[in-house]
Amino acid sequence: AEEWGRHPSVPDAGMLALGDELRSRGIR
């Protein structure tokens, strides 16, 4: 359980870029 609790995650670069694009267009 402790090992599972340290399960690493990976950010989705494409989705983060989409978020940045939205913000650049004035969308929160």
mmCIF file of all heavy atoms, coordinates in Angstrom:
data_MODEL
# 
_entry.id   MODEL 
# 
loop_
_atom_site.group_PDB 
_atom_site.id 
_atom_site.type_symbol 
_atom_site.label_atom_id 
_atom_site.label_alt_id 
_atom_site.label_comp_id 
_atom_site.label_asym_id 
_atom_site.label_entity_id 
_atom_site.label_seq_id 
_atom_site.pdbx_PDB_ins_code 
_atom_site.Cartn_x 
_atom_site.Cartn_y 
_atom_site.Cartn_z 
_atom_site.occupancy 
_atom_site.B_iso_or_equiv 
_atom_site.pdbx_formal_charge 
_atom_site.auth_seq_id 
_atom_site.auth_comp_id 
_atom_site.auth_asym_id 
_atom_site.auth_atom_id 
_atom_site.pdbx_PDB_model_num 
ATOM 1   N N   . ALA A 1 1  ? 0.828   -1.204 0.000   1.00 0.00 ? 1  ALA A N   1 
ATOM 2   C CA  . ALA A 1 1  ? 0.000   0.000  0.000   1.00 0.00 ? 1  ALA A CA  1 
ATOM 3   C C   . ALA A 1 1  ? 0.864   1.257  0.000   1.00 0.00 ? 1  ALA A C   1 
ATOM 4   O O   . ALA A 1 1  ? 0.554   2.229  -0.700  1.00 0.00 ? 1  ALA A O   1 
ATOM 5   C CB  . ALA A 1 1  ? -0.926  -0.004 1.211   1.00 0.00 ? 1  ALA A CB  1 
ATOM 6   N N   . GLU A 1 2  ? 1.943   1.243  0.754   1.00 0.00 ? 2  GLU A N   1 
ATOM 7   C CA  . GLU A 1 2  ? 2.831   2.406  0.792   1.00 0.00 ? 2  GLU A CA  1 
ATOM 8   C C   . GLU A 1 2  ? 3.463   2.645  -0.577  1.00 0.00 ? 2  GLU A C   1 
ATOM 9   O O   . GLU A 1 2  ? 3.578   3.789  -1.028  1.00 0.00 ? 2  GLU A O   1 
ATOM 10  C CB  . GLU A 1 2  ? 3.903   2.213  1.856   1.00 0.00 ? 2  GLU A CB  1 
ATOM 11  C CG  . GLU A 1 2  ? 3.368   2.323  3.281   1.00 0.00 ? 2  GLU A CG  1 
ATOM 12  C CD  . GLU A 1 2  ? 4.414   1.923  4.308   1.00 0.00 ? 2  GLU A CD  1 
ATOM 13  O OE1 . GLU A 1 2  ? 5.591   1.762  3.926   1.00 0.00 ? 2  GLU A OE1 1 
ATOM 14  O OE2 . GLU A 1 2  ? 4.046   1.796  5.488   1.00 0.00 ? 2  GLU A OE2 1 
ATOM 15  N N   . GLU A 1 3  ? 3.860   1.583  -1.249  1.00 0.00 ? 3  GLU A N   1 
ATOM 16  C CA  . GLU A 1 3  ? 4.430   1.733  -2.588  1.00 0.00 ? 3  GLU A CA  1 
ATOM 17  C C   . GLU A 1 3  ? 3.388   2.271  -3.557  1.00 0.00 ? 3  GLU A C   1 
ATOM 18  O O   . GLU A 1 3  ? 3.673   3.143  -4.382  1.00 0.00 ? 3  GLU A O   1 
ATOM 19  C CB  . GLU A 1 3  ? 4.975   0.390  -3.091  1.00 0.00 ? 3  GLU A CB  1 
ATOM 20  C CG  . GLU A 1 3  ? 6.211   -0.074 -2.344  1.00 0.00 ? 3  GLU A CG  1 
ATOM 21  C CD  . GLU A 1 3  ? 6.697   -1.426 -2.850  1.00 0.00 ? 3  GLU A CD  1 
ATOM 22  O OE1 . GLU A 1 3  ? 6.372   -1.794 -4.000  1.00 0.00 ? 3  GLU A OE1 1 
ATOM 23  O OE2 . GLU A 1 3  ? 7.392   -2.120 -2.083  1.00 0.00 ? 3  GLU A OE2 1 
ATOM 24  N N   . TRP A 1 4  ? 2.170   1.763  -3.463  1.00 0.00 ? 4  TRP A N   1 
ATOM 25  C CA  . TRP A 1 4  ? 1.084   2.257  -4.300  1.00 0.00 ? 4  TRP A CA  1 
ATOM 26  C C   . TRP A 1 4  ? 0.815   3.731  -4.008  1.00 0.00 ? 4  TRP A C   1 
ATOM 27  O O   . TRP A 1 4  ? 0.572   4.525  -4.939  1.00 0.00 ? 4  TRP A O   1 
ATOM 28  C CB  . TRP A 1 4  ? -0.175  1.423  -4.056  1.00 0.00 ? 4  TRP A CB  1 
ATOM 29  C CG  . TRP A 1 4  ? -1.406  2.072  -4.577  1.00 0.00 ? 4  TRP A CG  1 
ATOM 30  C CD1 . TRP A 1 4  ? -1.808  2.158  -5.884  1.00 0.00 ? 4  TRP A CD1 1 
ATOM 31  C CD2 . TRP A 1 4  ? -2.398  2.759  -3.810  1.00 0.00 ? 4  TRP A CD2 1 
ATOM 32  N NE1 . TRP A 1 4  ? -2.988  2.854  -5.975  1.00 0.00 ? 4  TRP A NE1 1 
ATOM 33  C CE2 . TRP A 1 4  ? -3.367  3.224  -4.717  1.00 0.00 ? 4  TRP A CE2 1 
ATOM 34  C CE3 . TRP A 1 4  ? -2.552  3.002  -2.441  1.00 0.00 ? 4  TRP A CE3 1 
ATOM 35  C CZ2 . TRP A 1 4  ? -4.483  3.938  -4.289  1.00 0.00 ? 4  TRP A CZ2 1 
ATOM 36  C CZ3 . TRP A 1 4  ? -3.662  3.710  -2.023  1.00 0.00 ? 4  TRP A CZ3 1 
ATOM 37  C CH2 . TRP A 1 4  ? -4.612  4.166  -2.939  1.00 0.00 ? 4  TRP A CH2 1 
ATOM 38  N N   . GLY A 1 5  ? 0.895   4.106  -2.758  1.00 0.00 ? 5  GLY A N   1 
ATOM 39  C CA  . GLY A 1 5  ? 0.643   5.494  -2.371  1.00 0.00 ? 5  GLY A CA  1 
ATOM 40  C C   . GLY A 1 5  ? 1.645   6.470  -2.949  1.00 0.00 ? 5  GLY A C   1 
ATOM 41  O O   . GLY A 1 5  ? 1.378   7.676  -3.012  1.00 0.00 ? 5  GLY A O   1 
ATOM 42  N N   . ARG A 1 6  ? 2.787   5.965  -3.375  1.00 0.00 ? 6  ARG A N   1 
ATOM 43  C CA  . ARG A 1 6  ? 3.812   6.819  -4.004  1.00 0.00 ? 6  ARG A CA  1 
ATOM 44  C C   . ARG A 1 6  ? 3.751   6.741  -5.528  1.00 0.00 ? 6  ARG A C   1 
ATOM 45  O O   . ARG A 1 6  ? 4.679   7.181  -6.213  1.00 0.00 ? 6  ARG A O   1 
ATOM 46  C CB  . ARG A 1 6  ? 5.201   6.402  -3.521  1.00 0.00 ? 6  ARG A CB  1 
ATOM 47  C CG  . ARG A 1 6  ? 5.426   6.597  -2.025  1.00 0.00 ? 6  ARG A CG  1 
ATOM 48  C CD  . ARG A 1 6  ? 6.886   6.453  -1.655  1.00 0.00 ? 6  ARG A CD  1 
ATOM 49  N NE  . ARG A 1 6  ? 7.405   5.113  -1.929  1.00 0.00 ? 6  ARG A NE  1 
ATOM 50  C CZ  . ARG A 1 6  ? 7.374   4.094  -1.062  1.00 0.00 ? 6  ARG A CZ  1 
ATOM 51  N NH1 . ARG A 1 6  ? 6.821   4.267  0.135   1.00 0.00 ? 6  ARG A NH1 1 
ATOM 52  N NH2 . ARG A 1 6  ? 7.877   2.918  -1.387  1.00 0.00 ? 6  ARG A NH2 1 
ATOM 53  N N   . HIS A 1 7  ? 2.668   6.219  -6.066  1.00 0.00 ? 7  HIS A N   1 
ATOM 54  C CA  . HIS A 1 7  ? 2.497   6.031  -7.506  1.00 0.00 ? 7  HIS A CA  1 
ATOM 55  C C   . HIS A 1 7  ? 2.717   7.355  -8.247  1.00 0.00 ? 7  HIS A C   1 
ATOM 56  O O   . HIS A 1 7  ? 1.993   8.321  -8.045  1.00 0.00 ? 7  HIS A O   1 
ATOM 57  C CB  . HIS A 1 7  ? 1.078   5.517  -7.764  1.00 0.00 ? 7  HIS A CB  1 
ATOM 58  C CG  . HIS A 1 7  ? 0.842   5.040  -9.161  1.00 0.00 ? 7  HIS A CG  1 
ATOM 59  N ND1 . HIS A 1 7  ? -0.314  4.392  -9.542  1.00 0.00 ? 7  HIS A ND1 1 
ATOM 60  C CD2 . HIS A 1 7  ? 1.591   5.110  -10.285 1.00 0.00 ? 7  HIS A CD2 1 
ATOM 61  C CE1 . HIS A 1 7  ? -0.261  4.074  -10.817 1.00 0.00 ? 7  HIS A CE1 1 
ATOM 62  N NE2 . HIS A 1 7  ? 0.881   4.508  -11.298 1.00 0.00 ? 7  HIS A NE2 1 
ATOM 63  N N   . PRO A 1 8  ? 3.711   7.421  -9.124  1.00 0.00 ? 8  PRO A N   1 
ATOM 64  C CA  . PRO A 1 8  ? 3.969   8.681  -9.840  1.00 0.00 ? 8  PRO A CA  1 
ATOM 65  C C   . PRO A 1 8  ? 2.940   8.945  -10.928 1.00 0.00 ? 8  PRO A C   1 
ATOM 66  O O   . PRO A 1 8  ? 2.393   8.019  -11.523 1.00 0.00 ? 8  PRO A O   1 
ATOM 67  C CB  . PRO A 1 8  ? 5.357   8.443  -10.448 1.00 0.00 ? 8  PRO A CB  1 
ATOM 68  C CG  . PRO A 1 8  ? 5.431   6.957  -10.629 1.00 0.00 ? 8  PRO A CG  1 
ATOM 69  C CD  . PRO A 1 8  ? 4.663   6.366  -9.479  1.00 0.00 ? 8  PRO A CD  1 
ATOM 70  N N   . SER A 1 9  ? 2.696   10.208 -11.173 1.00 0.00 ? 9  SER A N   1 
ATOM 71  C CA  . SER A 1 9  ? 1.797   10.604 -12.253 1.00 0.00 ? 9  SER A CA  1 
ATOM 72  C C   . SER A 1 9  ? 2.595   11.379 -13.296 1.00 0.00 ? 9  SER A C   1 
ATOM 73  O O   . SER A 1 9  ? 3.675   11.894 -13.022 1.00 0.00 ? 9  SER A O   1 
ATOM 74  C CB  . SER A 1 9  ? 0.654   11.469 -11.720 1.00 0.00 ? 9  SER A CB  1 
ATOM 75  O OG  . SER A 1 9  ? 1.158   12.692 -11.194 1.00 0.00 ? 9  SER A OG  1 
ATOM 76  N N   . VAL A 1 10 ? 2.024   11.465 -14.490 1.00 0.00 ? 10 VAL A N   1 
ATOM 77  C CA  . VAL A 1 10 ? 2.672   12.171 -15.595 1.00 0.00 ? 10 VAL A CA  1 
ATOM 78  C C   . VAL A 1 10 ? 1.707   13.230 -16.125 1.00 0.00 ? 10 VAL A C   1 
ATOM 79  O O   . VAL A 1 10 ? 0.599   12.893 -16.563 1.00 0.00 ? 10 VAL A O   1 
ATOM 80  C CB  . VAL A 1 10 ? 3.052   11.201 -16.734 1.00 0.00 ? 10 VAL A CB  1 
ATOM 81  C CG1 . VAL A 1 10 ? 3.682   11.963 -17.891 1.00 0.00 ? 10 VAL A CG1 1 
ATOM 82  C CG2 . VAL A 1 10 ? 3.978   10.113 -16.223 1.00 0.00 ? 10 VAL A CG2 1 
ATOM 83  N N   . PRO A 1 11 ? 2.090   14.504 -16.090 1.00 0.00 ? 11 PRO A N   1 
ATOM 84  C CA  . PRO A 1 11 ? 1.222   15.530 -16.670 1.00 0.00 ? 11 PRO A CA  1 
ATOM 85  C C   . PRO A 1 11 ? 1.063   15.311 -18.173 1.00 0.00 ? 11 PRO A C   1 
ATOM 86  O O   . PRO A 1 11 ? 1.995   14.869 -18.853 1.00 0.00 ? 11 PRO A O   1 
ATOM 87  C CB  . PRO A 1 11 ? 1.982   16.838 -16.385 1.00 0.00 ? 11 PRO A CB  1 
ATOM 88  C CG  . PRO A 1 11 ? 2.919   16.511 -15.271 1.00 0.00 ? 11 PRO A CG  1 
ATOM 89  C CD  . PRO A 1 11 ? 3.301   15.073 -15.471 1.00 0.00 ? 11 PRO A CD  1 
ATOM 90  N N   . ASP A 1 12 ? -0.114  15.628 -18.685 1.00 0.00 ? 12 ASP A N   1 
ATOM 91  C CA  . ASP A 1 12 ? -0.372  15.541 -20.117 1.00 0.00 ? 12 ASP A CA  1 
ATOM 92  C C   . ASP A 1 12 ? 0.043   16.868 -20.751 1.00 0.00 ? 12 ASP A C   1 
ATOM 93  O O   . ASP A 1 12 ? -0.653  17.877 -20.610 1.00 0.00 ? 12 ASP A O   1 
ATOM 94  C CB  . ASP A 1 12 ? -1.853  15.254 -20.365 1.00 0.00 ? 12 ASP A CB  1 
ATOM 95  C CG  . ASP A 1 12 ? -2.164  14.995 -21.833 1.00 0.00 ? 12 ASP A CG  1 
ATOM 96  O OD1 . ASP A 1 12 ? -1.701  15.788 -22.682 1.00 0.00 ? 12 ASP A OD1 1 
ATOM 97  O OD2 . ASP A 1 12 ? -2.863  14.013 -22.129 1.00 0.00 ? 12 ASP A OD2 1 
ATOM 98  N N   . ALA A 1 13 ? 1.168   16.866 -21.453 1.00 0.00 ? 13 ALA A N   1 
ATOM 99  C CA  . ALA A 1 13 ? 1.728   18.106 -21.997 1.00 0.00 ? 13 ALA A CA  1 
ATOM 100 C C   . ALA A 1 13 ? 0.777   18.778 -22.975 1.00 0.00 ? 13 ALA A C   1 
ATOM 101 O O   . ALA A 1 13 ? 0.654   20.014 -22.996 1.00 0.00 ? 13 ALA A O   1 
ATOM 102 C CB  . ALA A 1 13 ? 3.068   17.814 -22.674 1.00 0.00 ? 13 ALA A CB  1 
ATOM 103 N N   . GLY A 1 14 ? 0.098   17.985 -23.796 1.00 0.00 ? 14 GLY A N   1 
ATOM 104 C CA  . GLY A 1 14 ? -0.838  18.557 -24.759 1.00 0.00 ? 14 GLY A CA  1 
ATOM 105 C C   . GLY A 1 14 ? -1.994  19.262 -24.087 1.00 0.00 ? 14 GLY A C   1 
ATOM 106 O O   . GLY A 1 14 ? -2.421  20.349 -24.519 1.00 0.00 ? 14 GLY A O   1 
ATOM 107 N N   . MET A 1 15 ? -2.497  18.666 -23.007 1.00 0.00 ? 15 MET A N   1 
ATOM 108 C CA  . MET A 1 15 ? -3.612  19.273 -22.299 1.00 0.00 ? 15 MET A CA  1 
ATOM 109 C C   . MET A 1 15 ? -3.182  20.535 -21.549 1.00 0.00 ? 15 MET A C   1 
ATOM 110 O O   . MET A 1 15 ? -3.937  21.510 -21.467 1.00 0.00 ? 15 MET A O   1 
ATOM 111 C CB  . MET A 1 15 ? -4.233  18.257 -21.335 1.00 0.00 ? 15 MET A CB  1 
ATOM 112 C CG  . MET A 1 15 ? -5.052  17.185 -22.034 1.00 0.00 ? 15 MET A CG  1 
ATOM 113 S SD  . MET A 1 15 ? -6.444  17.891 -22.947 1.00 0.00 ? 15 MET A SD  1 
ATOM 114 C CE  . MET A 1 15 ? -7.364  18.630 -21.586 1.00 0.00 ? 15 MET A CE  1 
ATOM 115 N N   . LEU A 1 16 ? -1.980  20.525 -21.017 1.00 0.00 ? 16 LEU A N   1 
ATOM 116 C CA  . LEU A 1 16 ? -1.490  21.729 -20.345 1.00 0.00 ? 16 LEU A CA  1 
ATOM 117 C C   . LEU A 1 16 ? -1.301  22.851 -21.365 1.00 0.00 ? 16 LEU A C   1 
ATOM 118 O O   . LEU A 1 16 ? -1.580  24.021 -21.072 1.00 0.00 ? 16 LEU A O   1 
ATOM 119 C CB  . LEU A 1 16 ? -0.188  21.442 -19.606 1.00 0.00 ? 16 LEU A CB  1 
ATOM 120 C CG  . LEU A 1 16 ? -0.284  20.433 -18.457 1.00 0.00 ? 16 LEU A CG  1 
ATOM 121 C CD1 . LEU A 1 16 ? 1.048   20.341 -17.734 1.00 0.00 ? 16 LEU A CD1 1 
ATOM 122 C CD2 . LEU A 1 16 ? -1.399  20.784 -17.487 1.00 0.00 ? 16 LEU A CD2 1 
ATOM 123 N N   . ALA A 1 17 ? -0.846  22.490 -22.559 1.00 0.00 ? 17 ALA A N   1 
ATOM 124 C CA  . ALA A 1 17 ? -0.706  23.489 -23.619 1.00 0.00 ? 17 ALA A CA  1 
ATOM 125 C C   . ALA A 1 17 ? -2.076  24.049 -24.008 1.00 0.00 ? 17 ALA A C   1 
ATOM 126 O O   . ALA A 1 17 ? -2.216  25.253 -24.284 1.00 0.00 ? 17 ALA A O   1 
ATOM 127 C CB  . ALA A 1 17 ? -0.013  22.873 -24.832 1.00 0.00 ? 17 ALA A CB  1 
ATOM 128 N N   . LEU A 1 18 ? -3.089  23.191 -24.030 1.00 0.00 ? 18 LEU A N   1 
ATOM 129 C CA  . LEU A 1 18 ? -4.445  23.658 -24.315 1.00 0.00 ? 18 LEU A CA  1 
ATOM 130 C C   . LEU A 1 18 ? -4.903  24.637 -23.244 1.00 0.00 ? 18 LEU A C   1 
ATOM 131 O O   . LEU A 1 18 ? -5.505  25.677 -23.551 1.00 0.00 ? 18 LEU A O   1 
ATOM 132 C CB  . LEU A 1 18 ? -5.402  22.467 -24.401 1.00 0.00 ? 18 LEU A CB  1 
ATOM 133 C CG  . LEU A 1 18 ? -6.891  22.801 -24.529 1.00 0.00 ? 18 LEU A CG  1 
ATOM 134 C CD1 . LEU A 1 18 ? -7.162  23.699 -25.738 1.00 0.00 ? 18 LEU A CD1 1 
ATOM 135 C CD2 . LEU A 1 18 ? -7.722  21.521 -24.598 1.00 0.00 ? 18 LEU A CD2 1 
ATOM 136 N N   . GLY A 1 19 ? -4.622  24.320 -21.983 1.00 0.00 ? 19 GLY A N   1 
ATOM 137 C CA  . GLY A 1 19 ? -4.968  25.239 -20.907 1.00 0.00 ? 19 GLY A CA  1 
ATOM 138 C C   . GLY A 1 19 ? -4.299  26.584 -21.083 1.00 0.00 ? 19 GLY A C   1 
ATOM 139 O O   . GLY A 1 19 ? -4.917  27.643 -20.886 1.00 0.00 ? 19 GLY A O   1 
ATOM 140 N N   . ASP A 1 20 ? -3.032  26.564 -21.472 1.00 0.00 ? 20 ASP A N   1 
ATOM 141 C CA  . ASP A 1 20 ? -2.308  27.816 -21.701 1.00 0.00 ? 20 ASP A CA  1 
ATOM 142 C C   . ASP A 1 20 ? -2.921  28.591 -22.866 1.00 0.00 ? 20 ASP A C   1 
ATOM 143 O O   . ASP A 1 20 ? -3.020  29.832 -22.826 1.00 0.00 ? 20 ASP A O   1 
ATOM 144 C CB  . ASP A 1 20 ? -0.837  27.525 -21.998 1.00 0.00 ? 20 ASP A CB  1 
ATOM 145 C CG  . ASP A 1 20 ? -0.085  26.976 -20.785 1.00 0.00 ? 20 ASP A CG  1 
ATOM 146 O OD1 . ASP A 1 20 ? -0.583  27.151 -19.659 1.00 0.00 ? 20 ASP A OD1 1 
ATOM 147 O OD2 . ASP A 1 20 ? 0.982   26.381 -20.985 1.00 0.00 ? 20 ASP A OD2 1 
ATOM 148 N N   . GLU A 1 21 ? -3.331  27.866 -23.899 1.00 0.00 ? 21 GLU A N   1 
ATOM 149 C CA  . GLU A 1 21 ? -3.950  28.518 -25.052 1.00 0.00 ? 21 GLU A CA  1 
ATOM 150 C C   . GLU A 1 21 ? -5.266  29.191 -24.652 1.00 0.00 ? 21 GLU A C   1 
ATOM 151 O O   . GLU A 1 21 ? -5.550  30.330 -25.068 1.00 0.00 ? 21 GLU A O   1 
ATOM 152 C CB  . GLU A 1 21 ? -4.188  27.497 -26.163 1.00 0.00 ? 21 GLU A CB  1 
ATOM 153 C CG  . GLU A 1 21 ? -4.750  28.088 -27.443 1.00 0.00 ? 21 GLU A CG  1 
ATOM 154 C CD  . GLU A 1 21 ? -4.944  27.066 -28.550 1.00 0.00 ? 21 GLU A CD  1 
ATOM 155 O OE1 . GLU A 1 21 ? -4.493  25.903 -28.407 1.00 0.00 ? 21 GLU A OE1 1 
ATOM 156 O OE2 . GLU A 1 21 ? -5.568  27.439 -29.566 1.00 0.00 ? 21 GLU A OE2 1 
ATOM 157 N N   . LEU A 1 22 ? -6.048  28.501 -23.852 1.00 0.00 ? 22 LEU A N   1 
ATOM 158 C CA  . LEU A 1 22 ? -7.301  29.090 -23.382 1.00 0.00 ? 22 LEU A CA  1 
ATOM 159 C C   . LEU A 1 22 ? -7.041  30.375 -22.599 1.00 0.00 ? 22 LEU A C   1 
ATOM 160 O O   . LEU A 1 22 ? -7.709  31.398 -22.815 1.00 0.00 ? 22 LEU A O   1 
ATOM 161 C CB  . LEU A 1 22 ? -8.058  28.083 -22.510 1.00 0.00 ? 22 LEU A CB  1 
ATOM 162 C CG  . LEU A 1 22 ? -8.694  26.897 -23.238 1.00 0.00 ? 22 LEU A CG  1 
ATOM 163 C CD1 . LEU A 1 22 ? -9.113  25.824 -22.236 1.00 0.00 ? 22 LEU A CD1 1 
ATOM 164 C CD2 . LEU A 1 22 ? -9.890  27.346 -24.071 1.00 0.00 ? 22 LEU A CD2 1 
ATOM 165 N N   . ARG A 1 23 ? -6.075  30.317 -21.709 1.00 0.00 ? 23 ARG A N   1 
ATOM 166 C CA  . ARG A 1 23 ? -5.774  31.488 -20.886 1.00 0.00 ? 23 ARG A CA  1 
ATOM 167 C C   . ARG A 1 23 ? -5.284  32.654 -21.751 1.00 0.00 ? 23 ARG A C   1 
ATOM 168 O O   . ARG A 1 23 ? -5.595  33.817 -21.477 1.00 0.00 ? 23 ARG A O   1 
ATOM 169 C CB  . ARG A 1 23 ? -4.744  31.130 -19.826 1.00 0.00 ? 23 ARG A CB  1 
ATOM 170 C CG  . ARG A 1 23 ? -5.261  30.105 -18.813 1.00 0.00 ? 23 ARG A CG  1 
ATOM 171 C CD  . ARG A 1 23 ? -4.151  29.589 -17.933 1.00 0.00 ? 23 ARG A CD  1 
ATOM 172 N NE  . ARG A 1 23 ? -3.869  30.488 -16.829 1.00 0.00 ? 23 ARG A NE  1 
ATOM 173 C CZ  . ARG A 1 23 ? -2.810  30.361 -16.033 1.00 0.00 ? 23 ARG A CZ  1 
ATOM 174 N NH1 . ARG A 1 23 ? -1.923  29.398 -16.254 1.00 0.00 ? 23 ARG A NH1 1 
ATOM 175 N NH2 . ARG A 1 23 ? -2.617  31.210 -15.058 1.00 0.00 ? 23 ARG A NH2 1 
ATOM 176 N N   . SER A 1 24 ? -4.528  32.341 -22.797 1.00 0.00 ? 24 SER A N   1 
ATOM 177 C CA  . SER A 1 24 ? -4.036  33.398 -23.689 1.00 0.00 ? 24 SER A CA  1 
ATOM 178 C C   . SER A 1 24 ? -5.181  34.080 -24.425 1.00 0.00 ? 24 SER A C   1 
ATOM 179 O O   . SER A 1 24 ? -5.035  35.208 -24.917 1.00 0.00 ? 24 SER A O   1 
ATOM 180 C CB  . SER A 1 24 ? -3.027  32.828 -24.692 1.00 0.00 ? 24 SER A CB  1 
ATOM 181 O OG  . SER A 1 24 ? -3.678  32.071 -25.702 1.00 0.00 ? 24 SER A OG  1 
ATOM 182 N N   . ARG A 1 25 ? -6.315  33.391 -24.521 1.00 0.00 ? 25 ARG A N   1 
ATOM 183 C CA  . ARG A 1 25 ? -7.495  33.941 -25.188 1.00 0.00 ? 25 ARG A CA  1 
ATOM 184 C C   . ARG A 1 25 ? -8.482  34.555 -24.195 1.00 0.00 ? 25 ARG A C   1 
ATOM 185 O O   . ARG A 1 25 ? -9.617  34.872 -24.543 1.00 0.00 ? 25 ARG A O   1 
ATOM 186 C CB  . ARG A 1 25 ? -8.177  32.858 -26.027 1.00 0.00 ? 25 ARG A CB  1 
ATOM 187 C CG  . ARG A 1 25 ? -7.281  32.326 -27.153 1.00 0.00 ? 25 ARG A CG  1 
ATOM 188 C CD  . ARG A 1 25 ? -7.990  31.268 -27.968 1.00 0.00 ? 25 ARG A CD  1 
ATOM 189 N NE  . ARG A 1 25 ? -7.122  30.700 -28.989 1.00 0.00 ? 25 ARG A NE  1 
ATOM 190 C CZ  . ARG A 1 25 ? -6.859  31.243 -30.175 1.00 0.00 ? 25 ARG A CZ  1 
ATOM 191 N NH1 . ARG A 1 25 ? -7.404  32.406 -30.478 1.00 0.00 ? 25 ARG A NH1 1 
ATOM 192 N NH2 . ARG A 1 25 ? -6.065  30.651 -31.039 1.00 0.00 ? 25 ARG A NH2 1 
ATOM 193 N N   . GLY A 1 26 ? -8.053  34.692 -22.956 1.00 0.00 ? 26 GLY A N   1 
ATOM 194 C CA  . GLY A 1 26 ? -8.887  35.332 -21.948 1.00 0.00 ? 26 GLY A CA  1 
ATOM 195 C C   . GLY A 1 26 ? -9.886  34.419 -21.274 1.00 0.00 ? 26 GLY A C   1 
ATOM 196 O O   . GLY A 1 26 ? -10.765 34.884 -20.545 1.00 0.00 ? 26 GLY A O   1 
ATOM 197 N N   . ILE A 1 27 ? -9.764  33.112 -21.507 1.00 0.00 ? 27 ILE A N   1 
ATOM 198 C CA  . ILE A 1 27 ? -10.646 32.135 -20.859 1.00 0.00 ? 27 ILE A CA  1 
ATOM 199 C C   . ILE A 1 27 ? -9.991  31.665 -19.570 1.00 0.00 ? 27 ILE A C   1 
ATOM 200 O O   . ILE A 1 27 ? -8.838  31.228 -19.570 1.00 0.00 ? 27 ILE A O   1 
ATOM 201 C CB  . ILE A 1 27 ? -10.904 30.921 -21.780 1.00 0.00 ? 27 ILE A CB  1 
ATOM 202 C CG1 . ILE A 1 27 ? -11.426 31.364 -23.152 1.00 0.00 ? 27 ILE A CG1 1 
ATOM 203 C CG2 . ILE A 1 27 ? -11.860 29.937 -21.109 1.00 0.00 ? 27 ILE A CG2 1 
ATOM 204 C CD1 . ILE A 1 27 ? -12.749 32.044 -23.128 1.00 0.00 ? 27 ILE A CD1 1 
ATOM 205 N N   . ARG A 1 28 ? -10.714 31.746 -18.464 1.00 0.00 ? 28 ARG A N   1 
ATOM 206 C CA  . ARG A 1 28 ? -10.172 31.268 -17.187 1.00 0.00 ? 28 ARG A CA  1 
ATOM 207 C C   . ARG A 1 28 ? -10.200 29.739 -17.169 1.00 0.00 ? 28 ARG A C   1 
ATOM 208 O O   . ARG A 1 28 ? -11.087 29.111 -17.762 1.00 0.00 ? 28 ARG A O   1 
ATOM 209 C CB  . ARG A 1 28 ? -10.980 31.837 -16.022 1.00 0.00 ? 28 ARG A CB  1 
ATOM 210 C CG  . ARG A 1 28 ? -10.852 33.346 -15.919 1.00 0.00 ? 28 ARG A CG  1 
ATOM 211 C CD  . ARG A 1 28 ? -12.010 33.966 -15.183 1.00 0.00 ? 28 ARG A CD  1 
ATOM 212 N NE  . ARG A 1 28 ? -11.997 33.643 -13.773 1.00 0.00 ? 28 ARG A NE  1 
ATOM 213 C CZ  . ARG A 1 28 ? -12.986 33.966 -12.935 1.00 0.00 ? 28 ARG A CZ  1 
ATOM 214 N NH1 . ARG A 1 28 ? -14.064 34.596 -13.382 1.00 0.00 ? 28 ARG A NH1 1 
ATOM 215 N NH2 . ARG A 1 28 ? -12.900 33.649 -11.659 1.00 0.00 ? 28 ARG A NH2 1 
# 
